[in-house]
Amino acid sequence: MNFQELLNKAKKLQTNAYVPYSNFRVAAIVILKDKKEVTGVNVENASFPATICAERTALTQVITLGYQKDDIEALFLITDSNSLGSPCGICRQFMAEVMPMTAKVYISNINSKDEKDIKIVKVQDLLPFAFISESLKGNNK
């Protein structure tokens, strides 16, 4: 995986974000095992709960394209933060649902210049004790 190339793509992709309220641009690139990349940006709404984050925008496209959870290798994220801006709680839950728990998440920001400026974690590290499909199984005997 070429981090510099992904970082450059993500920075360019950020300009597509629709952020008239916060002016906080976020972009995500999902890397699939077949090396295809699926992108997303955050899209804000005057009704703030209707806003969708870049991570969910990209991941819903992955599903729409017919890919499955196990087809996902990683997610690359960039934010307008001066420090590393990790995914919000809703995105962490969404990622736990549609990505393998061992998939890597690469977190970068506007100050990231190369691989050493990127934080790498696994989905399972972003949301320990995640509420997943197995959590819905009742106490049926």
C-alpha atoms as a PDB file:
ATOM      1  CA  MET A   1       0.000   0.000   0.000  1.00  0.00           C
ATOM      2  CA  ASN A   2       1.474   3.320  -1.044  1.00  0.00           C
ATOM      3  CA  PHE A   3       0.720   5.684   1.843  1.00  0.00           C
ATOM      4  CA  GLN A   4       1.928   8.782   0.047  1.00  0.00           C
ATOM      5  CA  GLU A   5      -0.326   8.081  -2.914  1.00  0.00           C
ATOM      6  CA  LEU A   6      -3.324   7.434  -0.645  1.00  0.00           C
ATOM      7  CA  LEU A   7      -2.593  10.577   1.348  1.00  0.00           C
ATOM      8  CA  ASN A   8      -2.441  12.664  -1.821  1.00  0.00           C
ATOM      9  CA  LYS A   9      -5.680  11.147  -3.149  1.00  0.00           C
ATOM     10  CA  ALA A  10      -7.429  11.724   0.175  1.00  0.00           C
ATOM     11  CA  LYS A  11      -6.307  15.357   0.385  1.00  0.00           C
ATOM     12  CA  LYS A  12      -7.621  15.974  -3.130  1.00  0.00           C
ATOM     13  CA  LEU A  13     -10.856  14.123  -2.360  1.00  0.00           C
ATOM     14  CA  GLN A  14     -11.446  16.335   0.698  1.00  0.00           C
ATOM     15  CA  THR A  15     -12.195  19.252  -1.605  1.00  0.00           C
ATOM     16  CA  ASN A  16     -15.401  17.463  -2.677  1.00  0.00           C
ATOM     17  CA  ALA A  17     -16.846  17.515   0.842  1.00  0.00           C
ATOM     18  CA  TYR A  18     -20.091  19.458   1.267  1.00  0.00           C
ATOM     19  CA  VAL A  19     -19.482  21.364   4.506  1.00  0.00           C
ATOM     20  CA  PRO A  20     -21.305  24.730   4.459  1.00  0.00           C
ATOM     21  CA  TYR A  21     -21.799  24.721   8.255  1.00  0.00           C
ATOM     22  CA  SER A  22     -18.602  23.420   9.814  1.00  0.00           C
ATOM     23  CA  ASN A  23     -16.142  23.867   6.937  1.00  0.00           C
ATOM     24  CA  PHE A  24     -14.574  20.665   8.355  1.00  0.00           C
ATOM     25  CA  ARG A  25     -13.661  18.463   5.415  1.00  0.00           C
ATOM     26  CA  VAL A  26     -13.299  14.705   5.798  1.00  0.00           C
ATOM     27  CA  ALA A  27     -12.522  12.105   3.149  1.00  0.00           C
ATOM     28  CA  ALA A  28     -12.368   8.318   3.287  1.00  0.00           C
ATOM     29  CA  ILE A  29     -10.993   5.745   0.896  1.00  0.00           C
ATOM     30  CA  VAL A  30     -11.959   2.104   1.358  1.00  0.00           C
ATOM     31  CA  ILE A  31      -9.347  -0.258  -0.040  1.00  0.00           C
ATOM     32  CA  LEU A  32     -10.772  -3.568  -1.172  1.00  0.00           C
ATOM     33  CA  LYS A  33      -8.862  -6.829  -1.394  1.00  0.00           C
ATOM     34  CA  ASP A  34      -9.107  -6.675  -5.201  1.00  0.00           C
ATOM     35  CA  LYS A  35      -7.232  -3.321  -4.870  1.00  0.00           C
ATOM     36  CA  LYS A  36     -10.255  -1.285  -6.004  1.00  0.00           C
ATOM     37  CA  GLU A  37     -10.725   1.943  -4.042  1.00  0.00           C
ATOM     38  CA  VAL A  38     -14.119   3.323  -3.064  1.00  0.00           C
ATOM     39  CA  THR A  39     -14.296   6.918  -1.874  1.00  0.00           C
ATOM     40  CA  GLY A  40     -16.527   9.066   0.278  1.00  0.00           C
ATOM     41  CA  VAL A  41     -16.686  12.559   1.768  1.00  0.00           C
ATOM     42  CA  ASN A  42     -18.752  14.093   4.525  1.00  0.00           C
ATOM     43  CA  VAL A  43     -22.002  15.725   3.428  1.00  0.00           C
ATOM     44  CA  GLU A  44     -23.591  18.150   5.885  1.00  0.00           C
ATOM     45  CA  ASN A  45     -27.235  19.115   6.214  1.00  0.00           C
ATOM     46  CA  ALA A  46     -28.983  22.034   7.906  1.00  0.00           C
ATOM     47  CA  SER A  47     -30.747  19.352   9.944  1.00  0.00           C
ATOM     48  CA  PHE A  48     -27.513  18.235  11.592  1.00  0.00           C
ATOM     49  CA  PRO A  49     -28.562  14.619  12.356  1.00  0.00           C
ATOM     50  CA  ALA A  50     -29.062  14.141   8.593  1.00  0.00           C
ATOM     51  CA  THR A  51     -25.349  14.772   8.005  1.00  0.00           C
ATOM     52  CA  ILE A  52     -23.404  11.740   6.801  1.00  0.00           C
ATOM     53  CA  CYS A  53     -19.737  11.177   7.527  1.00  0.00           C
ATOM     54  CA  ALA A  54     -17.145  10.277   4.907  1.00  0.00           C
ATOM     55  CA  GLU A  55     -16.579   6.815   6.364  1.00  0.00           C
ATOM     56  CA  ARG A  56     -20.253   5.857   6.045  1.00  0.00           C
ATOM     57  CA  THR A  57     -20.504   7.450   2.602  1.00  0.00           C
ATOM     58  CA  ALA A  58     -17.647   5.269   1.324  1.00  0.00           C
ATOM     59  CA  LEU A  59     -18.758   2.101   3.116  1.00  0.00           C
ATOM     60  CA  THR A  60     -22.356   2.321   1.880  1.00  0.00           C
ATOM     61  CA  GLN A  61     -20.994   2.592  -1.666  1.00  0.00           C
ATOM     62  CA  VAL A  62     -18.908  -0.537  -1.085  1.00  0.00           C
ATOM     63  CA  ILE A  63     -22.091  -2.429  -0.140  1.00  0.00           C
ATOM     64  CA  THR A  64     -24.008  -0.863  -3.042  1.00  0.00           C
ATOM     65  CA  LEU A  65     -21.334  -2.100  -5.449  1.00  0.00           C
ATOM     66  CA  GLY A  66     -21.999  -5.654  -4.238  1.00  0.00           C
ATOM     67  CA  TYR A  67     -18.952  -6.147  -2.066  1.00  0.00           C
ATOM     68  CA  GLN A  68     -19.139  -7.947   1.259  1.00  0.00           C
ATOM     69  CA  LYS A  69     -17.514  -7.347   4.636  1.00  0.00           C
ATOM     70  CA  ASP A  70     -14.701  -9.777   3.905  1.00  0.00           C
ATOM     71  CA  ASP A  71     -13.832  -7.946   0.674  1.00  0.00           C
ATOM     72  CA  ILE A  72     -12.617  -4.924   2.666  1.00  0.00           C
ATOM     73  CA  GLU A  73      -8.920  -4.659   3.436  1.00  0.00           C
ATOM     74  CA  ALA A  74      -8.681  -1.192   5.004  1.00  0.00           C
ATOM     75  CA  LEU A  75     -10.090   2.304   5.307  1.00  0.00           C
ATOM     76  CA  PHE A  76      -7.948   5.414   4.884  1.00  0.00           C
ATOM     77  CA  LEU A  77      -9.274   8.553   6.597  1.00  0.00           C
ATOM     78  CA  ILE A  78      -8.223  12.189   6.495  1.00  0.00           C
ATOM     79  CA  THR A  79      -9.709  15.093   8.451  1.00  0.00           C
ATOM     80  CA  ASP A  80      -9.176  18.836   8.672  1.00  0.00           C
ATOM     81  CA  SER A  81      -7.987  18.369  12.261  1.00  0.00           C
ATOM     82  CA  ASN A  82      -4.616  19.647  13.402  1.00  0.00           C
ATOM     83  CA  SER A  83      -4.391  16.480  15.486  1.00  0.00           C
ATOM     84  CA  LEU A  84      -5.518  13.037  14.385  1.00  0.00           C
ATOM     85  CA  GLY A  85      -9.314  13.062  14.070  1.00  0.00           C
ATOM     86  CA  SER A  86     -10.627   9.571  14.555  1.00  0.00           C
ATOM     87  CA  PRO A  87     -14.057   8.351  13.404  1.00  0.00           C
ATOM     88  CA  CYS A  88     -17.116   9.436  15.389  1.00  0.00           C
ATOM     89  CA  GLY A  89     -19.085   6.940  17.472  1.00  0.00           C
ATOM     90  CA  ILE A  90     -21.714   6.314  14.806  1.00  0.00           C
ATOM     91  CA  CYS A  91     -19.018   5.589  12.224  1.00  0.00           C
ATOM     92  CA  ARG A  92     -17.215   3.264  14.628  1.00  0.00           C
ATOM     93  CA  GLN A  93     -20.437   1.288  15.109  1.00  0.00           C
ATOM     94  CA  PHE A  94     -21.068   1.258  11.355  1.00  0.00           C
ATOM     95  CA  MET A  95     -17.508   0.102  10.688  1.00  0.00           C
ATOM     96  CA  ALA A  96     -17.909  -2.715  13.237  1.00  0.00           C
ATOM     97  CA  GLU A  97     -20.987  -3.869  11.309  1.00  0.00           C
ATOM     98  CA  VAL A  98     -19.702  -3.763   7.716  1.00  0.00           C
ATOM     99  CA  MET A  99     -15.921  -4.180   8.028  1.00  0.00           C
ATOM    100  CA  PRO A 100     -13.878  -7.084   9.378  1.00  0.00           C
ATOM    101  CA  MET A 101     -12.913  -6.346  12.986  1.00  0.00           C
ATOM    102  CA  THR A 102      -9.280  -6.943  12.019  1.00  0.00           C
ATOM    103  CA  ALA A 103      -9.359  -4.516   9.060  1.00  0.00           C
ATOM    104  CA  LYS A 104      -6.925  -1.656   9.384  1.00  0.00           C
ATOM    105  CA  VAL A 105      -7.977   1.978   9.666  1.00  0.00           C
ATOM    106  CA  TYR A 106      -5.393   4.574   8.662  1.00  0.00           C
ATOM    107  CA  ILE A 107      -6.022   7.931  10.320  1.00  0.00           C
ATOM    108  CA  SER A 108      -4.408  11.070   8.946  1.00  0.00           C
ATOM    109  CA  ASN A 109      -4.996  14.820   9.059  1.00  0.00           C
ATOM    110  CA  ILE A 110      -4.179  18.021   7.203  1.00  0.00           C
ATOM    111  CA  ASN A 111      -0.700  18.056   8.735  1.00  0.00           C
ATOM    112  CA  SER A 112       0.152  14.497   7.666  1.00  0.00           C
ATOM    113  CA  LYS A 113       3.015  14.474   5.222  1.00  0.00           C
ATOM    114  CA  ASP A 114       4.038  10.814   5.082  1.00  0.00           C
ATOM    115  CA  GLU A 115       3.595   7.388   6.673  1.00  0.00           C
ATOM    116  CA  LYS A 116       5.046   8.393  10.053  1.00  0.00           C
ATOM    117  CA  ASP A 117       2.206  10.923  10.474  1.00  0.00           C
ATOM    118  CA  ILE A 118      -0.486   8.272  10.034  1.00  0.00           C
ATOM    119  CA  LYS A 119      -2.018   6.343  12.950  1.00  0.00           C
ATOM    120  CA  ILE A 120      -2.891   2.732  12.144  1.00  0.00           C
ATOM    121  CA  VAL A 121      -5.490   0.887  14.219  1.00  0.00           C
ATOM    122  CA  LYS A 122      -7.863  -2.028  13.698  1.00  0.00           C
ATOM    123  CA  VAL A 123     -11.633  -1.673  13.706  1.00  0.00           C
ATOM    124  CA  GLN A 124     -11.758  -3.743  16.916  1.00  0.00           C
ATOM    125  CA  ASP A 125      -9.516  -1.158  18.594  1.00  0.00           C
ATOM    126  CA  LEU A 126     -11.834   1.710  17.658  1.00  0.00           C
ATOM    127  CA  LEU A 127     -14.850   0.109  19.295  1.00  0.00           C
ATOM    128  CA  PRO A 128     -14.018  -2.411  21.993  1.00  0.00           C
ATOM    129  CA  PHE A 129     -17.048  -4.360  23.196  1.00  0.00           C
ATOM    130  CA  ALA A 130     -18.869  -3.476  19.960  1.00  0.00           C
ATOM    131  CA  PHE A 131     -22.573  -4.182  19.636  1.00  0.00           C
ATOM    132  CA  ILE A 132     -22.572  -6.648  16.729  1.00  0.00           C
ATOM    133  CA  SER A 133     -24.991  -9.167  15.234  1.00  0.00           C
ATOM    134  CA  GLU A 134     -24.105 -11.756  17.878  1.00  0.00           C
ATOM    135  CA  SER A 135     -25.184  -9.219  20.507  1.00  0.00           C
ATOM    136  CA  LEU A 136     -28.768  -9.544  19.272  1.00  0.00           C
ATOM    137  CA  LYS A 137     -28.985 -13.241  20.047  1.00  0.00           C
ATOM    138  CA  GLY A 138     -31.314 -13.716  22.999  1.00  0.00           C
ATOM    139  CA  ASN A 139     -31.073 -16.103  25.860  1.00  0.00           C
ATOM    140  CA  ASN A 140     -33.005 -18.822  24.040  1.00  0.00           C
ATOM    141  CA  LYS A 141     -32.482 -22.258  25.545  1.00  0.00           C
END
